[in-house]
Amino acid sequence: MKKVATVVTVAVLALGLAACNKNDADNNAANETAVENTASTDVNAATNDSVNAADNALNATDNSVANAANAVDSANATAANATENK
Protein backbone atom coordinates (compact mmCIF):
# COMPACT_ATOMS: atom_id res chain seq x y z
CA MET A 1 0.00 0.00 0.00
CA LYS A 2 2.91 2.32 0.72
CA LYS A 3 4.24 1.75 -2.82
CA VAL A 4 0.87 2.71 -4.31
CA ALA A 5 0.70 5.81 -2.14
CA THR A 6 4.23 6.76 -3.14
CA VAL A 7 3.50 6.26 -6.83
CA VAL A 8 0.30 8.29 -6.56
CA THR A 9 2.12 11.03 -4.66
CA VAL A 10 4.89 11.19 -7.26
CA ALA A 11 2.31 11.28 -10.06
CA VAL A 12 0.38 14.10 -8.37
CA LEU A 13 3.59 16.07 -7.80
CA ALA A 14 4.62 15.55 -11.43
CA LEU A 15 1.24 16.79 -12.63
CA GLY A 16 1.50 19.78 -10.32
CA LEU A 17 4.92 20.67 -11.69
CA ALA A 18 3.70 20.21 -15.26
CA ALA A 19 0.83 22.58 -14.56
CA CYS A 20 3.27 25.20 -13.24
CA ASN A 21 5.59 25.07 -16.25
CA LYS A 22 5.54 28.12 -18.49
CA ASN A 23 4.32 27.60 -21.99
CA ASP A 24 6.39 30.13 -23.90
CA ALA A 25 4.30 29.82 -27.06
CA ASP A 26 1.11 30.71 -25.19
CA ASN A 27 2.85 33.53 -23.33
CA ASN A 28 4.35 34.90 -26.54
CA ALA A 29 0.97 34.79 -28.26
CA ALA A 30 -0.63 36.59 -25.32
CA ASN A 31 2.11 39.22 -25.36
CA GLU A 32 1.76 39.75 -29.11
CA THR A 33 -2.00 40.15 -28.68
CA ALA A 34 -1.45 42.69 -25.92
CA VAL A 35 1.00 44.63 -28.10
CA GLU A 36 -1.41 44.58 -31.03
CA ASN A 37 -4.29 45.75 -28.83
CA THR A 38 -2.17 48.55 -27.42
CA ALA A 39 -1.07 49.59 -30.91
CA SER A 40 -4.66 49.53 -32.07
CA THR A 41 -5.68 51.70 -29.14
CA ASP A 42 -2.86 54.15 -29.91
CA VAL A 43 -3.90 54.35 -33.57
CA ASN A 44 -7.54 54.89 -32.61
CA ALA A 45 -6.57 57.62 -30.19
CA ALA A 46 -4.44 59.32 -32.83
CA THR A 47 -7.26 59.06 -35.36
CA ASN A 48 -9.76 60.48 -32.89
CA ASP A 49 -7.39 63.32 -32.00
CA SER A 50 -6.90 64.27 -35.65
CA VAL A 51 -10.63 64.06 -36.36
CA ASN A 52 -11.36 66.24 -33.34
CA ALA A 53 -8.70 68.75 -34.41
CA ALA A 54 -10.17 68.89 -37.91
CA ASP A 55 -13.67 69.36 -36.51
CA ASN A 56 -12.44 72.16 -34.26
CA ALA A 57 -10.70 73.85 -37.18
CA LEU A 58 -13.85 73.64 -39.31
CA ASN A 59 -15.95 75.01 -36.47
CA ALA A 60 -13.52 77.89 -35.99
CA THR A 61 -13.64 78.62 -39.72
CA ASP A 62 -17.43 78.53 -39.70
CA ASN A 63 -17.46 80.94 -36.77
CA SER A 64 -15.03 83.29 -38.52
CA VAL A 65 -17.13 83.32 -41.68
CA ALA A 66 -20.28 83.96 -39.66
CA ASN A 67 -18.56 86.79 -37.78
CA ALA A 68 -17.36 88.33 -41.03
CA ALA A 69 -20.87 88.13 -42.48
CA ASN A 70 -22.23 89.80 -39.35
CA ALA A 71 -19.62 92.55 -39.64
CA VAL A 72 -20.62 93.17 -43.27
CA ASP A 73 -24.29 93.28 -42.30
CA SER A 74 -23.51 95.70 -39.51
CA ALA A 75 -21.46 97.92 -41.81
CA ASN A 76 -24.29 97.95 -44.35
CA ALA A 77 -26.78 98.84 -41.65
CA THR A 78 -24.51 101.63 -40.40
CA ALA A 79 -24.11 102.99 -43.93
CA ALA A 80 -27.86 102.85 -44.49
CA ASN A 81 -28.50 104.68 -41.22
CA ALA A 82 -25.92 107.31 -42.07
CA THR A 83 -27.55 107.89 -45.44
CA GLU A 84 -31.02 108.18 -43.94
CA ASN A 85 -29.92 110.43 -41.09
CA LYS A 86 -28.00 113.10 -43.03
PDB file of N, CA and C in Angstrom:
ATOM      1  N   MET A   1       0.830  -1.196   0.000  1.00  0.00           N
ATOM      2  CA  MET A   1       0.000   0.000   0.000  1.00  0.00           C
ATOM      3  C   MET A   1       0.868   1.251   0.000  1.00  0.00           C
ATOM      4  N   LYS A   2       2.031   1.165   0.701  1.00  0.00           N
ATOM      5  CA  LYS A   2       2.910   2.322   0.717  1.00  0.00           C
ATOM      6  C   LYS A   2       3.457   2.610  -0.674  1.00  0.00           C
ATOM      7  N   LYS A   3       3.733   1.550  -1.452  1.00  0.00           N
ATOM      8  CA  LYS A   3       4.238   1.754  -2.819  1.00  0.00           C
ATOM      9  C   LYS A   3       3.195   2.465  -3.668  1.00  0.00           C
ATOM     10  N   VAL A   4       1.938   2.086  -3.536  1.00  0.00           N
ATOM     11  CA  VAL A   4       0.873   2.715  -4.312  1.00  0.00           C
ATOM     12  C   VAL A   4       0.742   4.177  -3.900  1.00  0.00           C
ATOM     13  N   ALA A   5       0.794   4.442  -2.617  1.00  0.00           N
ATOM     14  CA  ALA A   5       0.697   5.815  -2.140  1.00  0.00           C
ATOM     15  C   ALA A   5       1.866   6.635  -2.640  1.00  0.00           C
ATOM     16  N   THR A   6       3.050   6.056  -2.656  1.00  0.00           N
ATOM     17  CA  THR A   6       4.229   6.757  -3.138  1.00  0.00           C
ATOM     18  C   THR A   6       4.101   7.054  -4.629  1.00  0.00           C
ATOM     19  N   VAL A   7       3.661   6.075  -5.390  1.00  0.00           N
ATOM     20  CA  VAL A   7       3.502   6.260  -6.832  1.00  0.00           C
ATOM     21  C   VAL A   7       2.455   7.332  -7.108  1.00  0.00           C
ATOM     22  N   VAL A   8       1.360   7.293  -6.372  1.00  0.00           N
ATOM     23  CA  VAL A   8       0.302   8.285  -6.555  1.00  0.00           C
ATOM     24  C   VAL A   8       0.820   9.670  -6.170  1.00  0.00           C
ATOM     25  N   THR A   9       1.575   9.747  -5.096  1.00  0.00           N
ATOM     26  CA  THR A   9       2.123  11.032  -4.661  1.00  0.00           C
ATOM     27  C   THR A   9       3.069  11.594  -5.703  1.00  0.00           C
ATOM     28  N   VAL A  10       3.957  10.745  -6.226  1.00  0.00           N
ATOM     29  CA  VAL A  10       4.891  11.194  -7.263  1.00  0.00           C
ATOM     30  C   VAL A  10       4.132  11.641  -8.503  1.00  0.00           C
ATOM     31  N   ALA A  11       3.091  10.914  -8.878  1.00  0.00           N
ATOM     32  CA  ALA A  11       2.310  11.284 -10.057  1.00  0.00           C
ATOM     33  C   ALA A  11       1.621  12.631  -9.844  1.00  0.00           C
ATOM     34  N   VAL A  12       1.064  12.836  -8.657  1.00  0.00           N
ATOM     35  CA  VAL A  12       0.384  14.096  -8.366  1.00  0.00           C
ATOM     36  C   VAL A  12       1.391  15.239  -8.386  1.00  0.00           C
ATOM     37  N   LEU A  13       2.567  15.035  -7.787  1.00  0.00           N
ATOM     38  CA  LEU A  13       3.595  16.075  -7.803  1.00  0.00           C
ATOM     39  C   LEU A  13       4.052  16.379  -9.226  1.00  0.00           C
ATOM     40  N   ALA A  14       4.203  15.344 -10.040  1.00  0.00           N
ATOM     41  CA  ALA A  14       4.616  15.550 -11.429  1.00  0.00           C
ATOM     42  C   ALA A  14       3.564  16.352 -12.195  1.00  0.00           C
ATOM     43  N   LEU A  15       2.313  16.036 -11.963  1.00  0.00           N
ATOM     44  CA  LEU A  15       1.243  16.788 -12.632  1.00  0.00           C
ATOM     45  C   LEU A  15       1.224  18.229 -12.145  1.00  0.00           C
ATOM     46  N   GLY A  16       1.454  18.424 -10.863  1.00  0.00           N
ATOM     47  CA  GLY A  16       1.498  19.775 -10.316  1.00  0.00           C
ATOM     48  C   GLY A  16       2.618  20.583 -10.932  1.00  0.00           C
ATOM     49  N   LEU A  17       3.788  19.974 -11.064  1.00  0.00           N
ATOM     50  CA  LEU A  17       4.915  20.669 -11.694  1.00  0.00           C
ATOM     51  C   LEU A  17       4.633  20.953 -13.168  1.00  0.00           C
ATOM     52  N   ALA A  18       4.019  20.001 -13.846  1.00  0.00           N
ATOM     53  CA  ALA A  18       3.697  20.207 -15.262  1.00  0.00           C
ATOM     54  C   ALA A  18       2.726  21.367 -15.416  1.00  0.00           C
ATOM     55  N   ALA A  19       1.800  21.490 -14.484  1.00  0.00           N
ATOM     56  CA  ALA A  19       0.828  22.582 -14.563  1.00  0.00           C
ATOM     57  C   ALA A  19       1.486  23.928 -14.309  1.00  0.00           C
ATOM     58  N   CYS A  20       2.582  23.947 -13.557  1.00  0.00           N
ATOM     59  CA  CYS A  20       3.273  25.200 -13.239  1.00  0.00           C
ATOM     60  C   CYS A  20       4.260  25.632 -14.316  1.00  0.00           C
ATOM     61  N   ASN A  21       4.614  24.721 -15.210  1.00  0.00           N
ATOM     62  CA  ASN A  21       5.593  25.068 -16.246  1.00  0.00           C
ATOM     63  C   ASN A  21       5.047  26.148 -17.158  1.00  0.00           C
ATOM     64  N   LYS A  22       5.940  27.063 -17.561  1.00  0.00           N
ATOM     65  CA  LYS A  22       5.536  28.116 -18.490  1.00  0.00           C
ATOM     66  C   LYS A  22       5.428  27.527 -19.884  1.00  0.00           C
ATOM     67  N   ASN A  23       4.426  27.959 -20.584  1.00  0.00           N
ATOM     68  CA  ASN A  23       4.317  27.604 -21.988  1.00  0.00           C
ATOM     69  C   ASN A  23       4.664  28.859 -22.767  1.00  0.00           C
ATOM     70  N   ASP A  24       5.906  28.921 -23.242  1.00  0.00           N
ATOM     71  CA  ASP A  24       6.390  30.135 -23.896  1.00  0.00           C
ATOM     72  C   ASP A  24       5.569  30.509 -25.122  1.00  0.00           C
ATOM     73  N   ALA A  25       5.100  29.520 -25.862  1.00  0.00           N
ATOM     74  CA  ALA A  25       4.305  29.825 -27.059  1.00  0.00           C
ATOM     75  C   ALA A  25       3.023  30.548 -26.680  1.00  0.00           C
ATOM     76  N   ASP A  26       2.346  30.048 -25.641  1.00  0.00           N
ATOM     77  CA  ASP A  26       1.113  30.707 -25.195  1.00  0.00           C
ATOM     78  C   ASP A  26       1.406  32.103 -24.668  1.00  0.00           C
ATOM     79  N   ASN A  27       2.490  32.221 -23.874  1.00  0.00           N
ATOM     80  CA  ASN A  27       2.846  33.526 -23.327  1.00  0.00           C
ATOM     81  C   ASN A  27       3.221  34.507 -24.432  1.00  0.00           C
ATOM     82  N   ASN A  28       3.970  34.029 -25.424  1.00  0.00           N
ATOM     83  CA  ASN A  28       4.345  34.904 -26.538  1.00  0.00           C
ATOM     84  C   ASN A  28       3.123  35.352 -27.319  1.00  0.00           C
ATOM     85  N   ALA A  29       2.194  34.437 -27.536  1.00  0.00           N
ATOM     86  CA  ALA A  29       0.974  34.792 -28.262  1.00  0.00           C
ATOM     87  C   ALA A  29       0.174  35.825 -27.474  1.00  0.00           C
ATOM     88  N   ALA A  30       0.099  35.626 -26.158  1.00  0.00           N
ATOM     89  CA  ALA A  30      -0.630  36.589 -25.324  1.00  0.00           C
ATOM     90  C   ALA A  30       0.055  37.944 -25.349  1.00  0.00           C
ATOM     91  N   ASN A  31       1.385  37.948 -25.317  1.00  0.00           N
ATOM     92  CA  ASN A  31       2.110  39.219 -25.362  1.00  0.00           C
ATOM     93  C   ASN A  31       1.932  39.916 -26.707  1.00  0.00           C
ATOM     94  N   GLU A  32       1.961  39.151 -27.785  1.00  0.00           N
ATOM     95  CA  GLU A  32       1.758  39.750 -29.106  1.00  0.00           C
ATOM     96  C   GLU A  32       0.355  40.333 -29.217  1.00  0.00           C
ATOM     97  N   THR A  33      -0.621  39.634 -28.666  1.00  0.00           N
ATOM     98  CA  THR A  33      -1.996  40.146 -28.684  1.00  0.00           C
ATOM     99  C   THR A  33      -2.087  41.440 -27.887  1.00  0.00           C
ATOM    100  N   ALA A  34      -1.425  41.470 -26.735  1.00  0.00           N
ATOM    101  CA  ALA A  34      -1.447  42.685 -25.918  1.00  0.00           C
ATOM    102  C   ALA A  34      -0.791  43.839 -26.654  1.00  0.00           C
ATOM    103  N   VAL A  35       0.318  43.571 -27.340  1.00  0.00           N
ATOM    104  CA  VAL A  35       1.004  44.626 -28.097  1.00  0.00           C
ATOM    105  C   VAL A  35       0.119  45.117 -29.232  1.00  0.00           C
ATOM    106  N   GLU A  36      -0.531  44.182 -29.925  1.00  0.00           N
ATOM    107  CA  GLU A  36      -1.410  44.577 -31.031  1.00  0.00           C
ATOM    108  C   GLU A  36      -2.594  45.400 -30.522  1.00  0.00           C
ATOM    109  N   ASN A  37      -3.160  44.990 -29.382  1.00  0.00           N
ATOM    110  CA  ASN A  37      -4.289  45.748 -28.825  1.00  0.00           C
ATOM    111  C   ASN A  37      -3.858  47.142 -28.406  1.00  0.00           C
ATOM    112  N   THR A  38      -2.676  47.243 -27.827  1.00  0.00           N
ATOM    113  CA  THR A  38      -2.170  48.551 -27.419  1.00  0.00           C
ATOM    114  C   THR A  38      -1.910  49.419 -28.638  1.00  0.00           C
ATOM    115  N   ALA A  39      -1.320  48.827 -29.679  1.00  0.00           N
ATOM    116  CA  ALA A  39      -1.066  49.589 -30.905  1.00  0.00           C
ATOM    117  C   ALA A  39      -2.376  50.047 -31.533  1.00  0.00           C
ATOM    118  N   SER A  40      -3.356  49.174 -31.519  1.00  0.00           N
ATOM    119  CA  SER A  40      -4.665  49.533 -32.074  1.00  0.00           C
ATOM    120  C   SER A  40      -5.292  50.677 -31.286  1.00  0.00           C
ATOM    121  N   THR A  41      -5.152  50.625 -29.980  1.00  0.00           N
ATOM    122  CA  THR A  41      -5.675  51.701 -29.140  1.00  0.00           C
ATOM    123  C   THR A  41      -4.962  53.009 -29.439  1.00  0.00           C
ATOM    124  N   ASP A  42      -3.628  52.942 -29.595  1.00  0.00           N
ATOM    125  CA  ASP A  42      -2.862  54.151 -29.909  1.00  0.00           C
ATOM    126  C   ASP A  42      -3.292  54.739 -31.248  1.00  0.00           C
ATOM    127  N   VAL A  43      -3.487  53.880 -32.249  1.00  0.00           N
ATOM    128  CA  VAL A  43      -3.905  54.350 -33.574  1.00  0.00           C
ATOM    129  C   VAL A  43      -5.286  54.975 -33.496  1.00  0.00           C
ATOM    130  N   ASN A  44      -6.191  54.330 -32.753  1.00  0.00           N
ATOM    131  CA  ASN A  44      -7.544  54.885 -32.609  1.00  0.00           C
ATOM    132  C   ASN A  44      -7.508  56.232 -31.914  1.00  0.00           C
ATOM    133  N   ALA A  45      -6.675  56.348 -30.896  1.00  0.00           N
ATOM    134  CA  ALA A  45      -6.572  57.623 -30.190  1.00  0.00           C
ATOM    135  C   ALA A  45      -6.027  58.701 -31.107  1.00  0.00           C
ATOM    136  N   ALA A  46      -5.015  58.346 -31.892  1.00  0.00           N
ATOM    137  CA  ALA A  46      -4.441  59.318 -32.826  1.00  0.00           C
ATOM    138  C   ALA A  46      -5.464  59.722 -33.878  1.00  0.00           C
ATOM    139  N   THR A  47      -6.227  58.759 -34.365  1.00  0.00           N
ATOM    140  CA  THR A  47      -7.259  59.059 -35.356  1.00  0.00           C
ATOM    141  C   THR A  47      -8.315  59.973 -34.759  1.00  0.00           C
ATOM    142  N   ASN A  48      -8.746  59.646 -33.543  1.00  0.00           N
ATOM    143  CA  ASN A  48      -9.760  60.475 -32.886  1.00  0.00           C
ATOM    144  C   ASN A  48      -9.237  61.887 -32.648  1.00  0.00           C
ATOM    145  N   ASP A  49      -7.968  61.999 -32.240  1.00  0.00           N
ATOM    146  CA  ASP A  49      -7.387  63.321 -32.004  1.00  0.00           C
ATOM    147  C   ASP A  49      -7.363  64.140 -33.288  1.00  0.00           C
ATOM    148  N   SER A  50      -6.974  63.516 -34.397  1.00  0.00           N
ATOM    149  CA  SER A  50      -6.903  64.267 -35.650  1.00  0.00           C
ATOM    150  C   SER A  50      -8.296  64.645 -36.147  1.00  0.00           C
ATOM    151  N   VAL A  51      -9.251  63.755 -35.954  1.00  0.00           N
ATOM    152  CA  VAL A  51     -10.634  64.065 -36.357  1.00  0.00           C
ATOM    153  C   VAL A  51     -11.169  65.217 -35.516  1.00  0.00           C
ATOM    154  N   ASN A  52     -10.909  65.164 -34.210  1.00  0.00           N
ATOM    155  CA  ASN A  52     -11.365  66.244 -33.341  1.00  0.00           C
ATOM    156  C   ASN A  52     -10.693  67.563 -33.699  1.00  0.00           C
ATOM    157  N   ALA A  53      -9.413  67.522 -34.017  1.00  0.00           N
ATOM    158  CA  ALA A  53      -8.703  68.747 -34.406  1.00  0.00           C
ATOM    159  C   ALA A  53      -9.286  69.313 -35.697  1.00  0.00           C
ATOM    160  N   ALA A  54      -9.583  68.438 -36.654  1.00  0.00           N
ATOM    161  CA  ALA A  54     -10.169  68.891 -37.915  1.00  0.00           C
ATOM    162  C   ALA A  54     -11.558  69.487 -37.681  1.00  0.00           C
ATOM    163  N   ASP A  55     -12.342  68.825 -36.838  1.00  0.00           N
ATOM    164  CA  ASP A  55     -13.673  69.358 -36.511  1.00  0.00           C
ATOM    165  C   ASP A  55     -13.567  70.732 -35.858  1.00  0.00           C
ATOM    166  N   ASN A  56     -12.623  70.863 -34.931  1.00  0.00           N
ATOM    167  CA  ASN A  56     -12.442  72.158 -34.264  1.00  0.00           C
ATOM    168  C   ASN A  56     -12.018  73.239 -35.252  1.00  0.00           C
ATOM    169  N   ALA A  57     -11.142  72.876 -36.180  1.00  0.00           N
ATOM    170  CA  ALA A  57     -10.698  73.848 -37.183  1.00  0.00           C
ATOM    171  C   ALA A  57     -11.862  74.270 -38.074  1.00  0.00           C
ATOM    172  N   LEU A  58     -12.683  73.307 -38.476  1.00  0.00           N
ATOM    173  CA  LEU A  58     -13.851  73.642 -39.305  1.00  0.00           C
ATOM    174  C   LEU A  58     -14.839  74.513 -38.541  1.00  0.00           C
ATOM    175  N   ASN A  59     -15.037  74.185 -37.276  1.00  0.00           N
ATOM    176  CA  ASN A  59     -15.948  75.015 -36.468  1.00  0.00           C
ATOM    177  C   ASN A  59     -15.412  76.433 -36.322  1.00  0.00           C
ATOM    178  N   ALA A  60     -14.118  76.559 -36.114  1.00  0.00           N
ATOM    179  CA  ALA A  60     -13.520  77.892 -35.992  1.00  0.00           C
ATOM    180  C   ALA A  60     -13.669  78.661 -37.301  1.00  0.00           C
ATOM    181  N   THR A  61     -13.474  77.978 -38.417  1.00  0.00           N
ATOM    182  CA  THR A  61     -13.636  78.624 -39.724  1.00  0.00           C
ATOM    183  C   THR A  61     -15.078  79.060 -39.932  1.00  0.00           C
ATOM    184  N   ASP A  62     -16.015  78.175 -39.589  1.00  0.00           N
ATOM    185  CA  ASP A  62     -17.434  78.530 -39.698  1.00  0.00           C
ATOM    186  C   ASP A  62     -17.756  79.766 -38.868  1.00  0.00           C
ATOM    187  N   ASN A  63     -17.209  79.788 -37.641  1.00  0.00           N
ATOM    188  CA  ASN A  63     -17.458  80.938 -36.775  1.00  0.00           C
ATOM    189  C   ASN A  63     -16.852  82.214 -37.347  1.00  0.00           C
ATOM    190  N   SER A  64     -15.671  82.106 -37.924  1.00  0.00           N
ATOM    191  CA  SER A  64     -15.029  83.287 -38.517  1.00  0.00           C
ATOM    192  C   SER A  64     -15.827  83.815 -39.699  1.00  0.00           C
ATOM    193  N   VAL A  65     -16.318  82.910 -40.529  1.00  0.00           N
ATOM    194  CA  VAL A  65     -17.129  83.323 -41.679  1.00  0.00           C
ATOM    195  C   VAL A  65     -18.423  83.973 -41.200  1.00  0.00           C
ATOM    196  N   ALA A  66     -19.037  83.382 -40.193  1.00  0.00           N
ATOM    197  CA  ALA A  66     -20.281  83.965 -39.659  1.00  0.00           C
ATOM    198  C   ALA A  66     -20.015  85.346 -39.068  1.00  0.00           C
ATOM    199  N   ASN A  67     -18.898  85.477 -38.351  1.00  0.00           N
ATOM    200  CA  ASN A  67     -18.561  86.789 -37.779  1.00  0.00           C
ATOM    201  C   ASN A  67     -18.289  87.824 -38.869  1.00  0.00           C
ATOM    202  N   ALA A  68     -17.624  87.400 -39.929  1.00  0.00           N
ATOM    203  CA  ALA A  68     -17.357  88.328 -41.033  1.00  0.00           C
ATOM    204  C   ALA A  68     -18.664  88.750 -41.699  1.00  0.00           C
ATOM    205  N   ALA A  69     -19.569  87.801 -41.877  1.00  0.00           N
ATOM    206  CA  ALA A  69     -20.869  88.126 -42.477  1.00  0.00           C
ATOM    207  C   ALA A  69     -21.635  89.097 -41.580  1.00  0.00           C
ATOM    208  N   ASN A  70     -21.565  88.881 -40.281  1.00  0.00           N
ATOM    209  CA  ASN A  70     -22.235  89.801 -39.352  1.00  0.00           C
ATOM    210  C   ASN A  70     -21.610  91.191 -39.409  1.00  0.00           C
ATOM    211  N   ALA A  71     -20.292  91.252 -39.557  1.00  0.00           N
ATOM    212  CA  ALA A  71     -19.616  92.550 -39.644  1.00  0.00           C
ATOM    213  C   ALA A  71     -20.037  93.290 -40.914  1.00  0.00           C
ATOM    214  N   VAL A  72     -20.174  92.553 -42.014  1.00  0.00           N
ATOM    215  CA  VAL A  72     -20.621  93.168 -43.270  1.00  0.00           C
ATOM    216  C   VAL A  72     -22.050  93.671 -43.120  1.00  0.00           C
ATOM    217  N   ASP A  73     -22.900  92.858 -42.524  1.00  0.00           N
ATOM    218  CA  ASP A  73     -24.293  93.280 -42.304  1.00  0.00           C
ATOM    219  C   ASP A  73     -24.350  94.526 -41.433  1.00  0.00           C
ATOM    220  N   SER A  74     -23.531  94.542 -40.408  1.00  0.00           N
ATOM    221  CA  SER A  74     -23.507  95.698 -39.508  1.00  0.00           C
ATOM    222  C   SER A  74     -23.007  96.948 -40.231  1.00  0.00           C
ATOM    223  N   ALA A  75     -21.976  96.781 -41.057  1.00  0.00           N
ATOM    224  CA  ALA A  75     -21.457  97.920 -41.813  1.00  0.00           C
ATOM    225  C   ALA A  75     -22.500  98.437 -42.790  1.00  0.00           C
ATOM    226  N   ASN A  76     -23.225  97.534 -43.435  1.00  0.00           N
ATOM    227  CA  ASN A  76     -24.288  97.946 -44.346  1.00  0.00           C
ATOM    228  C   ASN A  76     -25.398  98.683 -43.612  1.00  0.00           C
ATOM    229  N   ALA A  77     -25.728  98.174 -42.436  1.00  0.00           N
ATOM    230  CA  ALA A  77     -26.775  98.839 -41.654  1.00  0.00           C
ATOM    231  C   ALA A  77     -26.314 100.212 -41.204  1.00  0.00           C
ATOM    232  N   THR A  78     -25.053 100.339 -40.822  1.00  0.00           N
ATOM    233  CA  THR A  78     -24.514 101.631 -40.404  1.00  0.00           C
ATOM    234  C   THR A  78     -24.504 102.615 -41.572  1.00  0.00           C
ATOM    235  N   ALA A  79     -24.128 102.124 -42.743  1.00  0.00           N
ATOM    236  CA  ALA A  79     -24.109 102.990 -43.934  1.00  0.00           C
ATOM    237  C   ALA A  79     -25.530 103.422 -44.300  1.00  0.00           C
ATOM    238  N   ALA A  80     -26.469 102.492 -44.182  1.00  0.00           N
ATOM    239  CA  ALA A  80     -27.858 102.845 -44.491  1.00  0.00           C
ATOM    240  C   ALA A  80     -28.394 103.871 -43.501  1.00  0.00           C
ATOM    241  N   ASN A  81     -28.057 103.708 -42.237  1.00  0.00           N
ATOM    242  CA  ASN A  81     -28.496 104.680 -41.222  1.00  0.00           C
ATOM    243  C   ASN A  81     -27.863 106.044 -41.456  1.00  0.00           C
ATOM    244  N   ALA A  82     -26.600 106.039 -41.836  1.00  0.00           N
ATOM    245  CA  ALA A  82     -25.921 107.310 -42.070  1.00  0.00           C
ATOM    246  C   ALA A  82     -26.541 108.018 -43.260  1.00  0.00           C
ATOM    247  N   THR A  83     -26.940 107.283 -44.269  1.00  0.00           N
ATOM    248  CA  THR A  83     -27.551 107.886 -45.443  1.00  0.00           C
ATOM    249  C   THR A  83     -28.914 108.456 -45.091  1.00  0.00           C
ATOM    250  N   GLU A  84     -29.681 107.732 -44.298  1.00  0.00           N
ATOM    251  CA  GLU A  84     -31.020 108.176 -43.942  1.00  0.00           C
ATOM    252  C   GLU A  84     -30.993 109.348 -42.968  1.00  0.00           C
ATOM    253  N   ASN A  85     -29.969 109.400 -42.140  1.00  0.00           N
ATOM    254  CA  ASN A  85     -29.922 110.434 -41.086  1.00  0.00           C
ATOM    255  C   ASN A  85     -28.976 111.589 -41.404  1.00  0.00           C
ATOM    256  N   LYS A  86     -28.869 111.981 -42.632  1.00  0.00           N
ATOM    257  CA  LYS A  86     -28.002 113.103 -43.028  1.00  0.00           C
ATOM    258  C   LYS A  86     -28.401 114.347 -42.359  1.00  0.00           C
TER     259      LYS A  86
END
